[in-house]
Amino acid sequence: MKASELDKKFDDGVEDIIDELDMTTATRPNKEQRRVNVDFPTWMVESLDREASRLGVTRQSIIKIWIAERLEKAS
């Protein structure tokens, strides 16, 4: 199928185009994960754990959320 045909199907909204896509090779740009190691003092880890527990999320989640919020403010 040509790109123009796929665009028309999508734009018309008449057909579901998901069957036309190869989802096994789909990627989300700039969403790839990279592992980063950061050393925190014990008191900070304990504070993070308390706050994460209070919110019902993991330590990793709260760190990601807080950093994302800060980066959004900075830009």
N, C-alpha and C. Protein backbone atom coordinates (compact mmCIF):
# COMPACT_ATOMS: atom_id res chain seq x y z
N MET A 1 0.84 -1.17 0.00
CA MET A 1 0.00 0.00 0.00
C MET A 1 0.89 1.24 0.00
N LYS A 2 0.52 2.20 -0.77
CA LYS A 2 1.28 3.45 -0.83
C LYS A 2 0.96 4.30 0.39
N ALA A 3 1.90 5.14 0.75
CA ALA A 3 1.73 6.03 1.90
C ALA A 3 0.52 6.93 1.72
N SER A 4 0.30 7.37 0.51
CA SER A 4 -0.85 8.25 0.25
C SER A 4 -2.17 7.54 0.51
N GLU A 5 -2.23 6.23 0.19
CA GLU A 5 -3.44 5.45 0.45
C GLU A 5 -3.66 5.29 1.95
N LEU A 6 -2.58 5.03 2.68
CA LEU A 6 -2.68 4.88 4.13
C LEU A 6 -3.10 6.21 4.76
N ASP A 7 -2.52 7.30 4.29
CA ASP A 7 -2.90 8.63 4.79
C ASP A 7 -4.38 8.89 4.57
N LYS A 8 -4.88 8.53 3.40
CA LYS A 8 -6.29 8.77 3.08
C LYS A 8 -7.19 7.95 4.01
N LYS A 9 -6.85 6.68 4.23
CA LYS A 9 -7.64 5.85 5.14
C LYS A 9 -7.67 6.46 6.54
N PHE A 10 -6.49 6.91 6.99
CA PHE A 10 -6.40 7.51 8.32
C PHE A 10 -7.19 8.81 8.39
N ASP A 11 -7.00 9.67 7.41
CA ASP A 11 -7.68 10.97 7.40
C ASP A 11 -9.20 10.83 7.30
N ASP A 12 -9.65 9.85 6.52
CA ASP A 12 -11.10 9.65 6.37
C ASP A 12 -11.71 9.07 7.64
N GLY A 13 -10.92 8.34 8.42
CA GLY A 13 -11.40 7.76 9.66
C GLY A 13 -12.43 6.67 9.48
N VAL A 14 -12.59 6.20 8.26
CA VAL A 14 -13.60 5.18 7.97
C VAL A 14 -13.10 3.79 8.38
N GLU A 15 -11.82 3.56 8.18
CA GLU A 15 -11.26 2.24 8.45
C GLU A 15 -10.22 2.31 9.56
N ASP A 16 -10.11 1.22 10.28
CA ASP A 16 -9.05 1.10 11.28
C ASP A 16 -7.78 0.69 10.54
N ILE A 17 -6.75 1.51 10.66
CA ILE A 17 -5.53 1.24 9.90
C ILE A 17 -4.51 0.39 10.65
N ILE A 18 -4.83 0.02 11.88
CA ILE A 18 -3.85 -0.71 12.70
C ILE A 18 -3.40 -2.01 12.04
N ASP A 19 -4.30 -2.66 11.30
CA ASP A 19 -3.93 -3.90 10.63
C ASP A 19 -2.95 -3.67 9.49
N GLU A 20 -2.84 -2.45 9.04
CA GLU A 20 -1.92 -2.11 7.95
C GLU A 20 -0.50 -1.85 8.46
N LEU A 21 -0.34 -1.73 9.76
CA LEU A 21 0.96 -1.38 10.34
C LEU A 21 1.68 -2.60 10.89
N ASP A 22 2.99 -2.60 10.78
CA ASP A 22 3.81 -3.66 11.36
C ASP A 22 4.24 -3.20 12.76
N MET A 23 3.48 -3.59 13.77
CA MET A 23 3.73 -3.12 15.13
C MET A 23 4.96 -3.77 15.77
N THR A 24 5.50 -4.81 15.15
CA THR A 24 6.68 -5.46 15.71
C THR A 24 7.92 -4.58 15.59
N THR A 25 7.88 -3.63 14.67
CA THR A 25 9.03 -2.75 14.48
C THR A 25 8.74 -1.31 14.92
N ALA A 26 7.58 -1.09 15.52
CA ALA A 26 7.21 0.26 15.93
C ALA A 26 8.08 0.73 17.09
N THR A 27 8.46 1.99 17.07
CA THR A 27 9.23 2.58 18.16
C THR A 27 8.64 3.92 18.53
N ARG A 28 8.96 4.38 19.72
CA ARG A 28 8.54 5.69 20.18
C ARG A 28 9.79 6.56 20.27
N PRO A 29 9.94 7.50 19.36
CA PRO A 29 11.14 8.35 19.37
C PRO A 29 11.34 9.05 20.71
N ASN A 30 12.58 9.08 21.13
CA ASN A 30 12.98 9.72 22.39
C ASN A 30 12.34 9.10 23.62
N LYS A 31 11.84 7.89 23.51
CA LYS A 31 11.25 7.20 24.66
C LYS A 31 12.03 5.94 25.04
N GLU A 32 13.18 5.73 24.38
CA GLU A 32 13.99 4.57 24.71
C GLU A 32 14.49 4.74 26.15
N GLN A 33 14.60 3.63 26.84
CA GLN A 33 15.06 3.66 28.22
C GLN A 33 16.59 3.57 28.27
N ARG A 34 17.18 4.31 29.19
CA ARG A 34 18.61 4.22 29.46
C ARG A 34 18.77 4.11 30.96
N ARG A 35 19.61 3.21 31.38
CA ARG A 35 19.86 3.03 32.80
C ARG A 35 20.89 4.05 33.26
N VAL A 36 20.58 4.69 34.39
CA VAL A 36 21.47 5.67 34.99
C VAL A 36 21.60 5.34 36.47
N ASN A 37 22.81 5.27 36.94
CA ASN A 37 23.05 5.01 38.36
C ASN A 37 23.36 6.32 39.07
N VAL A 38 22.67 6.55 40.17
CA VAL A 38 22.87 7.77 40.95
C VAL A 38 23.01 7.36 42.40
N ASP A 39 24.02 7.88 43.06
CA ASP A 39 24.21 7.60 44.49
C ASP A 39 23.56 8.71 45.31
N PHE A 40 22.70 8.32 46.26
CA PHE A 40 22.04 9.25 47.16
C PHE A 40 22.47 8.96 48.59
N PRO A 41 22.51 9.98 49.44
CA PRO A 41 22.76 9.71 50.85
C PRO A 41 21.58 8.93 51.45
N THR A 42 21.86 8.20 52.51
CA THR A 42 20.84 7.35 53.14
C THR A 42 19.59 8.14 53.52
N TRP A 43 19.77 9.34 54.10
CA TRP A 43 18.60 10.11 54.52
C TRP A 43 17.70 10.44 53.35
N MET A 44 18.30 10.67 52.16
CA MET A 44 17.51 11.01 50.98
C MET A 44 16.72 9.80 50.48
N VAL A 45 17.36 8.64 50.49
CA VAL A 45 16.67 7.41 50.07
C VAL A 45 15.50 7.13 51.01
N GLU A 46 15.72 7.31 52.30
CA GLU A 46 14.65 7.07 53.27
C GLU A 46 13.50 8.06 53.06
N SER A 47 13.82 9.31 52.78
CA SER A 47 12.79 10.30 52.51
C SER A 47 12.02 9.98 51.22
N LEU A 48 12.76 9.57 50.21
CA LEU A 48 12.12 9.16 48.96
C LEU A 48 11.18 7.98 49.19
N ASP A 49 11.64 7.01 49.96
CA ASP A 49 10.82 5.82 50.24
C ASP A 49 9.55 6.19 51.00
N ARG A 50 9.67 7.09 51.97
CA ARG A 50 8.49 7.51 52.73
C ARG A 50 7.47 8.20 51.81
N GLU A 51 7.96 9.11 50.99
CA GLU A 51 7.06 9.83 50.09
C GLU A 51 6.46 8.90 49.04
N ALA A 52 7.26 7.99 48.51
CA ALA A 52 6.75 7.02 47.53
C ALA A 52 5.68 6.15 48.17
N SER A 53 5.92 5.71 49.38
CA SER A 53 4.94 4.89 50.09
C SER A 53 3.64 5.66 50.33
N ARG A 54 3.78 6.91 50.73
CA ARG A 54 2.61 7.75 50.98
C ARG A 54 1.76 7.90 49.72
N LEU A 55 2.43 8.02 48.57
CA LEU A 55 1.74 8.19 47.30
C LEU A 55 1.34 6.86 46.64
N GLY A 56 1.86 5.76 47.17
CA GLY A 56 1.55 4.44 46.61
C GLY A 56 2.25 4.16 45.30
N VAL A 57 3.47 4.68 45.16
CA VAL A 57 4.26 4.43 43.96
C VAL A 57 5.64 3.91 44.38
N THR A 58 6.42 3.51 43.41
CA THR A 58 7.78 3.04 43.71
C THR A 58 8.74 4.21 43.84
N ARG A 59 9.87 3.96 44.45
CA ARG A 59 10.92 4.98 44.55
C ARG A 59 11.33 5.46 43.16
N GLN A 60 11.50 4.54 42.24
CA GLN A 60 11.91 4.91 40.89
C GLN A 60 10.87 5.82 40.24
N SER A 61 9.60 5.51 40.43
CA SER A 61 8.54 6.32 39.84
C SER A 61 8.57 7.74 40.36
N ILE A 62 8.73 7.90 41.65
CA ILE A 62 8.71 9.25 42.21
C ILE A 62 9.93 10.06 41.74
N ILE A 63 11.06 9.40 41.62
CA ILE A 63 12.25 10.09 41.12
C ILE A 63 12.01 10.55 39.68
N LYS A 64 11.47 9.67 38.84
CA LYS A 64 11.19 10.03 37.45
C LYS A 64 10.20 11.18 37.35
N ILE A 65 9.14 11.10 38.14
CA ILE A 65 8.11 12.14 38.11
C ILE A 65 8.70 13.48 38.50
N TRP A 66 9.44 13.51 39.60
CA TRP A 66 9.99 14.77 40.09
C TRP A 66 11.00 15.36 39.11
N ILE A 67 11.84 14.52 38.54
CA ILE A 67 12.82 15.03 37.58
C ILE A 67 12.11 15.54 36.32
N ALA A 68 11.10 14.81 35.85
CA ALA A 68 10.35 15.25 34.67
C ALA A 68 9.68 16.59 34.93
N GLU A 69 9.08 16.77 36.11
CA GLU A 69 8.45 18.04 36.45
C GLU A 69 9.46 19.18 36.44
N ARG A 70 10.61 18.92 37.00
CA ARG A 70 11.65 19.97 37.06
C ARG A 70 12.14 20.32 35.65
N LEU A 71 12.33 19.31 34.81
CA LEU A 71 12.81 19.56 33.46
C LEU A 71 11.77 20.31 32.63
N GLU A 72 10.49 20.02 32.84
CA GLU A 72 9.45 20.74 32.12
C GLU A 72 9.42 22.21 32.52
N LYS A 73 9.64 22.49 33.80
CA LYS A 73 9.68 23.87 34.27
C LYS A 73 10.87 24.61 33.66
N ALA A 74 11.98 23.91 33.51
CA ALA A 74 13.21 24.54 33.02
C ALA A 74 13.14 24.88 31.53
N SER A 75 12.26 24.20 30.80
CA SER A 75 12.22 24.47 29.36
C SER A 75 11.12 25.38 28.94
